[in-house]
Amino acid sequence: MPEKENLCLYGLPNETWEVTLPAEEVPPELPEPALGINFARDGMVEKDWLSLVAVHSDAWLLSVAFYFGARFGFDKDARFVFCFHGKGLIPFFLL
């Protein structure tokens, strides 16, 4: 879809993915994803661009995890249970 400049990848509840235009409004309290990664797409090797997208996605997921951790006040024991007994995130940064 090179004709569309600003695309987003969305994970859907049925465990599929969709590439589409960004949502009109994001709740203001959530961390914003990195802007502009689509602008570099045309000038980069595809593998390098996908690596850049992965790095930005990981950083955004970590910021969202820390946001929810701070907002809901997960203590160390709750983080351990969430990571190792639920559909946890990344165990090393929560311990």
PDB file of N, CA and C in Angstrom:
ATOM      1  N   MET A   1       0.818  -1.189   0.000  1.00  0.00           N
ATOM      2  CA  MET A   1       0.000   0.000   0.000  1.00  0.00           C
ATOM      3  C   MET A   1       0.865   1.256   0.000  1.00  0.00           C
ATOM      4  N   PRO A   2       1.773   1.377  -0.936  1.00  0.00           N
ATOM      5  CA  PRO A   2       2.647   2.550  -0.937  1.00  0.00           C
ATOM      6  C   PRO A   2       1.920   3.860  -1.193  1.00  0.00           C
ATOM      7  N   GLU A   3       0.698   3.815  -1.770  1.00  0.00           N
ATOM      8  CA  GLU A   3      -0.022   5.054  -2.035  1.00  0.00           C
ATOM      9  C   GLU A   3      -0.560   5.698  -0.761  1.00  0.00           C
ATOM     10  N   LYS A   4      -0.623   4.950   0.339  1.00  0.00           N
ATOM     11  CA  LYS A   4      -1.083   5.494   1.617  1.00  0.00           C
ATOM     12  C   LYS A   4       0.129   5.776   2.478  1.00  0.00           C
ATOM     13  N   GLU A   5       0.253   7.017   2.937  1.00  0.00           N
ATOM     14  CA  GLU A   5       1.465   7.429   3.630  1.00  0.00           C
ATOM     15  C   GLU A   5       1.505   7.044   5.096  1.00  0.00           C
ATOM     16  N   ASN A   6       0.413   7.134   5.796  1.00  0.00           N
ATOM     17  CA  ASN A   6       0.435   6.993   7.242  1.00  0.00           C
ATOM     18  C   ASN A   6      -0.450   5.829   7.677  1.00  0.00           C
ATOM     19  N   LEU A   7       0.092   4.612   7.656  1.00  0.00           N
ATOM     20  CA  LEU A   7      -0.674   3.424   7.999  1.00  0.00           C
ATOM     21  C   LEU A   7      -0.327   2.935   9.394  1.00  0.00           C
ATOM     22  N   CYS A   8      -1.266   2.246  10.013  1.00  0.00           N
ATOM     23  CA  CYS A   8      -1.052   1.663  11.337  1.00  0.00           C
ATOM     24  C   CYS A   8      -1.405   0.189  11.297  1.00  0.00           C
ATOM     25  N   LEU A   9      -0.711  -0.589  12.114  1.00  0.00           N
ATOM     26  CA  LEU A   9      -0.994  -2.009  12.250  1.00  0.00           C
ATOM     27  C   LEU A   9      -1.801  -2.200  13.523  1.00  0.00           C
ATOM     28  N   TYR A  10      -2.970  -2.800  13.391  1.00  0.00           N
ATOM     29  CA  TYR A  10      -3.851  -3.020  14.529  1.00  0.00           C
ATOM     30  C   TYR A  10      -3.983  -4.516  14.798  1.00  0.00           C
ATOM     31  N   GLY A  11      -3.814  -4.909  16.059  1.00  0.00           N
ATOM     32  CA  GLY A  11      -4.098  -6.275  16.491  1.00  0.00           C
ATOM     33  C   GLY A  11      -5.548  -6.336  16.930  1.00  0.00           C
ATOM     34  N   LEU A  12      -6.297  -7.247  16.354  1.00  0.00           N
ATOM     35  CA  LEU A  12      -7.725  -7.348  16.633  1.00  0.00           C
ATOM     36  C   LEU A  12      -8.006  -8.420  17.686  1.00  0.00           C
ATOM     37  N   PRO A  13      -9.144  -8.333  18.383  1.00  0.00           N
ATOM     38  CA  PRO A  13      -9.470  -9.303  19.435  1.00  0.00           C
ATOM     39  C   PRO A  13      -9.530 -10.752  18.948  1.00  0.00           C
ATOM     40  N   ASN A  14      -9.809 -10.971  17.665  1.00  0.00           N
ATOM     41  CA  ASN A  14      -9.867 -12.339  17.150  1.00  0.00           C
ATOM     42  C   ASN A  14      -8.486 -12.854  16.727  1.00  0.00           C
ATOM     43  N   GLU A  15      -7.434 -12.165  17.175  1.00  0.00           N
ATOM     44  CA  GLU A  15      -6.033 -12.537  16.958  1.00  0.00           C
ATOM     45  C   GLU A  15      -5.592 -12.429  15.498  1.00  0.00           C
ATOM     46  N   THR A  16      -6.237 -11.555  14.734  1.00  0.00           N
ATOM     47  CA  THR A  16      -5.777 -11.242  13.387  1.00  0.00           C
ATOM     48  C   THR A  16      -5.231  -9.821  13.392  1.00  0.00           C
ATOM     49  N   TRP A  17      -4.621  -9.427  12.282  1.00  0.00           N
ATOM     50  CA  TRP A  17      -4.023  -8.099  12.160  1.00  0.00           C
ATOM     51  C   TRP A  17      -4.665  -7.367  10.997  1.00  0.00           C
ATOM     52  N   GLU A  18      -4.677  -6.041  11.097  1.00  0.00           N
ATOM     53  CA  GLU A  18      -5.229  -5.208  10.039  1.00  0.00           C
ATOM     54  C   GLU A  18      -4.339  -3.982   9.860  1.00  0.00           C
ATOM     55  N   VAL A  19      -4.008  -3.672   8.611  1.00  0.00           N
ATOM     56  CA  VAL A  19      -3.258  -2.461   8.291  1.00  0.00           C
ATOM     57  C   VAL A  19      -4.248  -1.463   7.723  1.00  0.00           C
ATOM     58  N   THR A  20      -4.355  -0.316   8.383  1.00  0.00           N
ATOM     59  CA  THR A  20      -5.319   0.690   7.955  1.00  0.00           C
ATOM     60  C   THR A  20      -4.851   2.071   8.414  1.00  0.00           C
ATOM     61  N   LEU A  21      -5.601   3.071   8.070  1.00  0.00           N
ATOM     62  CA  LEU A  21      -5.276   4.429   8.496  1.00  0.00           C
ATOM     63  C   LEU A  21      -5.422   4.548  10.011  1.00  0.00           C
ATOM     64  N   PRO A  22      -4.701   5.476  10.640  1.00  0.00           N
ATOM     65  CA  PRO A  22      -4.787   5.612  12.099  1.00  0.00           C
ATOM     66  C   PRO A  22      -6.169   6.085  12.551  1.00  0.00           C
ATOM     67  N   ALA A  23      -6.479   5.765  13.795  1.00  0.00           N
ATOM     68  CA  ALA A  23      -7.752   6.201  14.381  1.00  0.00           C
ATOM     69  C   ALA A  23      -7.767   7.722  14.469  1.00  0.00           C
ATOM     70  N   GLU A  24      -8.956   8.281  14.377  1.00  0.00           N
ATOM     71  CA  GLU A  24      -9.098   9.734  14.453  1.00  0.00           C
ATOM     72  C   GLU A  24      -8.636  10.275  15.795  1.00  0.00           C
ATOM     73  N   GLU A  25      -9.047   9.618  16.879  1.00  0.00           N
ATOM     74  CA  GLU A  25      -8.677  10.083  18.217  1.00  0.00           C
ATOM     75  C   GLU A  25      -8.186   8.919  19.058  1.00  0.00           C
ATOM     76  N   VAL A  26      -7.117   9.161  19.786  1.00  0.00           N
ATOM     77  CA  VAL A  26      -6.584   8.202  20.745  1.00  0.00           C
ATOM     78  C   VAL A  26      -6.814   8.817  22.119  1.00  0.00           C
ATOM     79  N   PRO A  27      -7.209   8.010  23.114  1.00  0.00           N
ATOM     80  CA  PRO A  27      -7.386   8.605  24.445  1.00  0.00           C
ATOM     81  C   PRO A  27      -6.135   9.382  24.862  1.00  0.00           C
ATOM     82  N   PRO A  28      -6.291  10.618  25.315  1.00  0.00           N
ATOM     83  CA  PRO A  28      -5.131  11.476  25.571  1.00  0.00           C
ATOM     84  C   PRO A  28      -4.214  10.972  26.676  1.00  0.00           C
ATOM     85  N   GLU A  29      -4.710  10.117  27.557  1.00  0.00           N
ATOM     86  CA  GLU A  29      -3.854   9.656  28.646  1.00  0.00           C
ATOM     87  C   GLU A  29      -2.903   8.534  28.222  1.00  0.00           C
ATOM     88  N   LEU A  30      -3.166   7.882  27.104  1.00  0.00           N
ATOM     89  CA  LEU A  30      -2.282   6.804  26.647  1.00  0.00           C
ATOM     90  C   LEU A  30      -1.024   7.365  25.990  1.00  0.00           C
ATOM     91  N   PRO A  31       0.116   6.675  26.142  1.00  0.00           N
ATOM     92  CA  PRO A  31       1.332   7.120  25.445  1.00  0.00           C
ATOM     93  C   PRO A  31       1.122   7.072  23.931  1.00  0.00           C
ATOM     94  N   GLU A  32       1.643   8.064  23.250  1.00  0.00           N
ATOM     95  CA  GLU A  32       1.502   8.136  21.795  1.00  0.00           C
ATOM     96  C   GLU A  32       2.530   7.247  21.122  1.00  0.00           C
ATOM     97  N   PRO A  33       2.139   6.532  20.069  1.00  0.00           N
ATOM     98  CA  PRO A  33       3.140   5.781  19.310  1.00  0.00           C
ATOM     99  C   PRO A  33       4.046   6.736  18.535  1.00  0.00           C
ATOM    100  N   ALA A  34       5.196   6.236  18.106  1.00  0.00           N
ATOM    101  CA  ALA A  34       6.134   7.065  17.345  1.00  0.00           C
ATOM    102  C   ALA A  34       5.507   7.463  16.016  1.00  0.00           C
ATOM    103  N   LEU A  35       5.620   8.711  15.690  1.00  0.00           N
ATOM    104  CA  LEU A  35       5.098   9.205  14.420  1.00  0.00           C
ATOM    105  C   LEU A  35       6.221   9.257  13.395  1.00  0.00           C
ATOM    106  N   GLY A  36       5.875   9.070  12.160  1.00  0.00           N
ATOM    107  CA  GLY A  36       6.845   9.276  11.098  1.00  0.00           C
ATOM    108  C   GLY A  36       7.574   8.051  10.601  1.00  0.00           C
ATOM    109  N   ILE A  37       7.319   6.864  11.174  1.00  0.00           N
ATOM    110  CA  ILE A  37       8.053   5.697  10.686  1.00  0.00           C
ATOM    111  C   ILE A  37       7.626   5.327   9.274  1.00  0.00           C
ATOM    112  N   ASN A  38       6.411   5.704   8.889  1.00  0.00           N
ATOM    113  CA  ASN A  38       5.965   5.407   7.531  1.00  0.00           C
ATOM    114  C   ASN A  38       6.644   6.300   6.498  1.00  0.00           C
ATOM    115  N   PHE A  39       7.111   7.469   6.916  1.00  0.00           N
ATOM    116  CA  PHE A  39       7.740   8.374   5.960  1.00  0.00           C
ATOM    117  C   PHE A  39       9.099   7.855   5.513  1.00  0.00           C
ATOM    118  N   ALA A  40       9.759   7.069   6.352  1.00  0.00           N
ATOM    119  CA  ALA A  40      11.064   6.510   6.000  1.00  0.00           C
ATOM    120  C   ALA A  40      10.933   5.264   5.134  1.00  0.00           C
ATOM    121  N   ARG A  41       9.744   4.737   5.013  1.00  0.00           N
ATOM    122  CA  ARG A  41       9.512   3.461   4.336  1.00  0.00           C
ATOM    123  C   ARG A  41      10.045   3.430   2.906  1.00  0.00           C
ATOM    124  N   ASP A  42       9.789   4.460   2.132  1.00  0.00           N
ATOM    125  CA  ASP A  42      10.167   4.442   0.720  1.00  0.00           C
ATOM    126  C   ASP A  42      11.662   4.566   0.499  1.00  0.00           C
ATOM    127  N   GLY A  43      12.391   5.151   1.443  1.00  0.00           N
ATOM    128  CA  GLY A  43      13.822   5.348   1.264  1.00  0.00           C
ATOM    129  C   GLY A  43      14.688   4.293   1.923  1.00  0.00           C
ATOM    130  N   MET A  44      14.086   3.233   2.449  1.00  0.00           N
ATOM    131  CA  MET A  44      14.848   2.222   3.182  1.00  0.00           C
ATOM    132  C   MET A  44      14.656   0.845   2.561  1.00  0.00           C
ATOM    133  N   VAL A  45      15.627  -0.025   2.816  1.00  0.00           N
ATOM    134  CA  VAL A  45      15.478  -1.431   2.465  1.00  0.00           C
ATOM    135  C   VAL A  45      14.354  -1.986   3.344  1.00  0.00           C
ATOM    136  N   GLU A  46      13.510  -2.840   2.781  1.00  0.00           N
ATOM    137  CA  GLU A  46      12.333  -3.317   3.509  1.00  0.00           C
ATOM    138  C   GLU A  46      12.699  -3.972   4.845  1.00  0.00           C
ATOM    139  N   LYS A  47      13.740  -4.770   4.867  1.00  0.00           N
ATOM    140  CA  LYS A  47      14.147  -5.451   6.102  1.00  0.00           C
ATOM    141  C   LYS A  47      14.561  -4.438   7.174  1.00  0.00           C
ATOM    142  N   ASP A  48      15.287  -3.392   6.775  1.00  0.00           N
ATOM    143  CA  ASP A  48      15.699  -2.354   7.727  1.00  0.00           C
ATOM    144  C   ASP A  48      14.490  -1.579   8.248  1.00  0.00           C
ATOM    145  N   TRP A  49      13.542  -1.301   7.363  1.00  0.00           N
ATOM    146  CA  TRP A  49      12.343  -0.582   7.779  1.00  0.00           C
ATOM    147  C   TRP A  49      11.525  -1.411   8.761  1.00  0.00           C
ATOM    148  N   LEU A  50      11.390  -2.722   8.490  1.00  0.00           N
ATOM    149  CA  LEU A  50      10.655  -3.583   9.415  1.00  0.00           C
ATOM    150  C   LEU A  50      11.343  -3.653  10.774  1.00  0.00           C
ATOM    151  N   SER A  51      12.673  -3.627  10.785  1.00  0.00           N
ATOM    152  CA  SER A  51      13.405  -3.593  12.058  1.00  0.00           C
ATOM    153  C   SER A  51      13.103  -2.304  12.811  1.00  0.00           C
ATOM    154  N   LEU A  52      13.054  -1.189  12.100  1.00  0.00           N
ATOM    155  CA  LEU A  52      12.724   0.099  12.716  1.00  0.00           C
ATOM    156  C   LEU A  52      11.309   0.079  13.299  1.00  0.00           C
ATOM    157  N   VAL A  53      10.370  -0.484  12.557  1.00  0.00           N
ATOM    158  CA  VAL A  53       8.992  -0.602  13.042  1.00  0.00           C
ATOM    159  C   VAL A  53       8.946  -1.461  14.302  1.00  0.00           C
ATOM    160  N   ALA A  54       9.694  -2.563  14.312  1.00  0.00           N
ATOM    161  CA  ALA A  54       9.714  -3.449  15.483  1.00  0.00           C
ATOM    162  C   ALA A  54      10.264  -2.734  16.711  1.00  0.00           C
ATOM    163  N   VAL A  55      11.332  -1.970  16.536  1.00  0.00           N
ATOM    164  CA  VAL A  55      11.921  -1.238  17.664  1.00  0.00           C
ATOM    165  C   VAL A  55      10.924  -0.222  18.220  1.00  0.00           C
ATOM    166  N   HIS A  56      10.290   0.539  17.341  1.00  0.00           N
ATOM    167  CA  HIS A  56       9.311   1.533  17.794  1.00  0.00           C
ATOM    168  C   HIS A  56       8.103   0.864  18.443  1.00  0.00           C
ATOM    169  N   SER A  57       7.684  -0.283  17.910  1.00  0.00           N
ATOM    170  CA  SER A  57       6.548  -1.002  18.494  1.00  0.00           C
ATOM    171  C   SER A  57       6.879  -1.507  19.885  1.00  0.00           C
ATOM    172  N   ASP A  58       8.073  -2.080  20.048  1.00  0.00           N
ATOM    173  CA  ASP A  58       8.494  -2.563  21.368  1.00  0.00           C
ATOM    174  C   ASP A  58       8.540  -1.422  22.378  1.00  0.00           C
ATOM    175  N   ALA A  59       9.097  -0.290  21.966  1.00  0.00           N
ATOM    176  CA  ALA A  59       9.200   0.857  22.873  1.00  0.00           C
ATOM    177  C   ALA A  59       7.810   1.355  23.269  1.00  0.00           C
ATOM    178  N   TRP A  60       6.894   1.382  22.316  1.00  0.00           N
ATOM    179  CA  TRP A  60       5.540   1.841  22.624  1.00  0.00           C
ATOM    180  C   TRP A  60       4.834   0.865  23.559  1.00  0.00           C
ATOM    181  N   LEU A  61       4.980  -0.452  23.314  1.00  0.00           N
ATOM    182  CA  LEU A  61       4.355  -1.444  24.189  1.00  0.00           C
ATOM    183  C   LEU A  61       4.888  -1.343  25.615  1.00  0.00           C
ATOM    184  N   LEU A  62       6.184  -1.115  25.755  1.00  0.00           N
ATOM    185  CA  LEU A  62       6.754  -0.939  27.094  1.00  0.00           C
ATOM    186  C   LEU A  62       6.179   0.297  27.777  1.00  0.00           C
ATOM    187  N   SER A  63       6.040   1.389  27.030  1.00  0.00           N
ATOM    188  CA  SER A  63       5.500   2.610  27.641  1.00  0.00           C
ATOM    189  C   SER A  63       4.042   2.419  28.052  1.00  0.00           C
ATOM    190  N   VAL A  64       3.267   1.683  27.262  1.00  0.00           N
ATOM    191  CA  VAL A  64       1.875   1.404  27.629  1.00  0.00           C
ATOM    192  C   VAL A  64       1.826   0.499  28.861  1.00  0.00           C
ATOM    193  N   ALA A  65       2.715  -0.501  28.923  1.00  0.00           N
ATOM    194  CA  ALA A  65       2.754  -1.394  30.087  1.00  0.00           C
ATOM    195  C   ALA A  65       3.087  -0.615  31.359  1.00  0.00           C
ATOM    196  N   PHE A  66       4.072   0.288  31.271  1.00  0.00           N
ATOM    197  CA  PHE A  66       4.421   1.091  32.441  1.00  0.00           C
ATOM    198  C   PHE A  66       3.292   2.053  32.812  1.00  0.00           C
ATOM    199  N   TYR A  67       2.598   2.583  31.822  1.00  0.00           N
ATOM    200  CA  TYR A  67       1.462   3.465  32.089  1.00  0.00           C
ATOM    201  C   TYR A  67       0.394   2.724  32.899  1.00  0.00           C
ATOM    202  N   PHE A  68       0.004   1.528  32.421  1.00  0.00           N
ATOM    203  CA  PHE A  68      -1.021   0.770  33.140  1.00  0.00           C
ATOM    204  C   PHE A  68      -0.518   0.297  34.499  1.00  0.00           C
ATOM    205  N   GLY A  69       0.753  -0.061  34.590  1.00  0.00           N
ATOM    206  CA  GLY A  69       1.315  -0.455  35.881  1.00  0.00           C
ATOM    207  C   GLY A  69       1.245   0.671  36.891  1.00  0.00           C
ATOM    208  N   ALA A  70       1.570   1.879  36.456  1.00  0.00           N
ATOM    209  CA  ALA A  70       1.522   3.038  37.355  1.00  0.00           C
ATOM    210  C   ALA A  70       0.083   3.431  37.675  1.00  0.00           C
ATOM    211  N   ARG A  71      -0.768   3.366  36.680  1.00  0.00           N
ATOM    212  CA  ARG A  71      -2.154   3.796  36.884  1.00  0.00           C
ATOM    213  C   ARG A  71      -2.913   2.873  37.833  1.00  0.00           C
ATOM    214  N   PHE A  72      -2.701   1.578  37.698  1.00  0.00           N
ATOM    215  CA  PHE A  72      -3.458   0.627  38.507  1.00  0.00           C
ATOM    216  C   PHE A  72      -2.683   0.138  39.718  1.00  0.00           C
ATOM    217  N   GLY A  73      -1.470   0.632  39.909  1.00  0.00           N
ATOM    218  CA  GLY A  73      -0.712   0.366  41.119  1.00  0.00           C
ATOM    219  C   GLY A  73      -0.338  -1.081  41.344  1.00  0.00           C
ATOM    220  N   PHE A  74       0.095  -1.775  40.298  1.00  0.00           N
ATOM    221  CA  PHE A  74       0.536  -3.154  40.478  1.00  0.00           C
ATOM    222  C   PHE A  74       1.771  -3.179  41.364  1.00  0.00           C
ATOM    223  N   ASP A  75       1.723  -3.956  42.434  1.00  0.00           N
ATOM    224  CA  ASP A  75       2.918  -4.113  43.258  1.00  0.00           C
ATOM    225  C   ASP A  75       3.761  -5.263  42.691  1.00  0.00           C
ATOM    226  N   LYS A  76       4.910  -5.523  43.300  1.00  0.00           N
ATOM    227  CA  LYS A  76       5.833  -6.515  42.758  1.00  0.00           C
ATOM    228  C   LYS A  76       5.193  -7.901  42.669  1.00  0.00           C
ATOM    229  N   ASP A  77       4.450  -8.314  43.687  1.00  0.00           N
ATOM    230  CA  ASP A  77       3.821  -9.634  43.666  1.00  0.00           C
ATOM    231  C   ASP A  77       2.786  -9.741  42.548  1.00  0.00           C
ATOM    232  N   ALA A  78       2.002  -8.699  42.353  1.00  0.00           N
ATOM    233  CA  ALA A  78       0.993  -8.712  41.293  1.00  0.00           C
ATOM    234  C   ALA A  78       1.656  -8.755  39.923  1.00  0.00           C
ATOM    235  N   ARG A  79       2.768  -8.045  39.753  1.00  0.00           N
ATOM    236  CA  ARG A  79       3.480  -8.084  38.473  1.00  0.00           C
ATOM    237  C   ARG A  79       4.002  -9.482  38.202  1.00  0.00           C
ATOM    238  N   PHE A  80       4.523 -10.161  39.228  1.00  0.00           N
ATOM    239  CA  PHE A  80       5.055 -11.510  39.058  1.00  0.00           C
ATOM    240  C   PHE A  80       3.939 -12.460  38.625  1.00  0.00           C
ATOM    241  N   VAL A  81       2.791 -12.390  39.288  1.00  0.00           N
ATOM    242  CA  VAL A  81       1.671 -13.263  38.946  1.00  0.00           C
ATOM    243  C   VAL A  81       1.204 -12.974  37.533  1.00  0.00           C
ATOM    244  N   PHE A  82       1.110 -11.704  37.165  1.00  0.00           N
ATOM    245  CA  PHE A  82       0.662 -11.335  35.828  1.00  0.00           C
ATOM    246  C   PHE A  82       1.608 -11.870  34.764  1.00  0.00           C
ATOM    247  N   CYS A  83       2.898 -11.764  35.004  1.00  0.00           N
ATOM    248  CA  CYS A  83       3.882 -12.151  33.996  1.00  0.00           C
ATOM    249  C   CYS A  83       4.010 -13.652  33.827  1.00  0.00           C
ATOM    250  N   PHE A  84       3.960 -14.375  34.915  1.00  0.00           N
ATOM    251  CA  PHE A  84       4.273 -15.787  34.824  1.00  0.00           C
ATOM    252  C   PHE A  84       3.051 -16.698  34.853  1.00  0.00           C
ATOM    253  N   HIS A  85       1.894 -16.172  35.221  1.00  0.00           N
ATOM    254  CA  HIS A  85       0.714 -17.022  35.299  1.00  0.00           C
ATOM    255  C   HIS A  85      -0.422 -16.526  34.414  1.00  0.00           C
ATOM    256  N   GLY A  86      -0.271 -15.371  33.845  1.00  0.00           N
ATOM    257  CA  GLY A  86      -1.295 -14.851  32.950  1.00  0.00           C
ATOM    258  C   GLY A  86      -0.722 -14.808  31.547  1.00  0.00           C
ATOM    259  N   LYS A  87      -1.314 -14.000  30.725  1.00  0.00           N
ATOM    260  CA  LYS A  87      -0.751 -13.777  29.396  1.00  0.00           C
ATOM    261  C   LYS A  87       0.229 -12.632  29.544  1.00  0.00           C
ATOM    262  N   GLY A  88       1.305 -12.879  30.223  1.00  0.00           N
ATOM    263  CA  GLY A  88       2.221 -11.841  30.659  1.00  0.00           C
ATOM    264  C   GLY A  88       2.914 -11.095  29.551  1.00  0.00           C
ATOM    265  N   LEU A  89       3.551 -10.032  29.975  1.00  0.00           N
ATOM    266  CA  LEU A  89       4.322  -9.212  29.056  1.00  0.00           C
ATOM    267  C   LEU A  89       5.742  -9.732  29.029  1.00  0.00           C
ATOM    268  N   ILE A  90       6.684  -8.926  29.385  1.00  0.00           N
ATOM    269  CA  ILE A  90       8.086  -9.319  29.338  1.00  0.00           C
ATOM    270  C   ILE A  90       8.586  -9.406  30.770  1.00  0.00           C
ATOM    271  N   PRO A  91       8.900 -10.604  31.272  1.00  0.00           N
ATOM    272  CA  PRO A  91       9.205 -10.761  32.695  1.00  0.00           C
ATOM    273  C   PRO A  91      10.403  -9.963  33.192  1.00  0.00           C
ATOM    274  N   PHE A  92      11.435  -9.796  32.382  1.00  0.00           N
ATOM    275  CA  PHE A  92      12.664  -9.204  32.900  1.00  0.00           C
ATOM    276  C   PHE A  92      12.511  -7.757  33.326  1.00  0.00           C
ATOM    277  N   PHE A  93      11.619  -6.984  32.732  1.00  0.00           N
ATOM    278  CA  PHE A  93      11.542  -5.573  33.105  1.00  0.00           C
ATOM    279  C   PHE A  93      10.561  -5.332  34.243  1.00  0.00           C
ATOM    280  N   LEU A  94       9.824  -6.327  34.631  1.00  0.00           N
ATOM    281  CA  LEU A  94       8.833  -6.136  35.679  1.00  0.00           C
ATOM    282  C   LEU A  94       9.303  -6.594  37.048  1.00  0.00           C
ATOM    283  N   LEU A  95      10.394  -7.332  37.119  1.00  0.00           N
ATOM    284  CA  LEU A  95      10.835  -7.865  38.410  1.00  0.00           C
ATOM    285  C   LEU A  95      11.715  -6.914  39.160  1.00  0.00           C
TER     286      LEU A  95
END
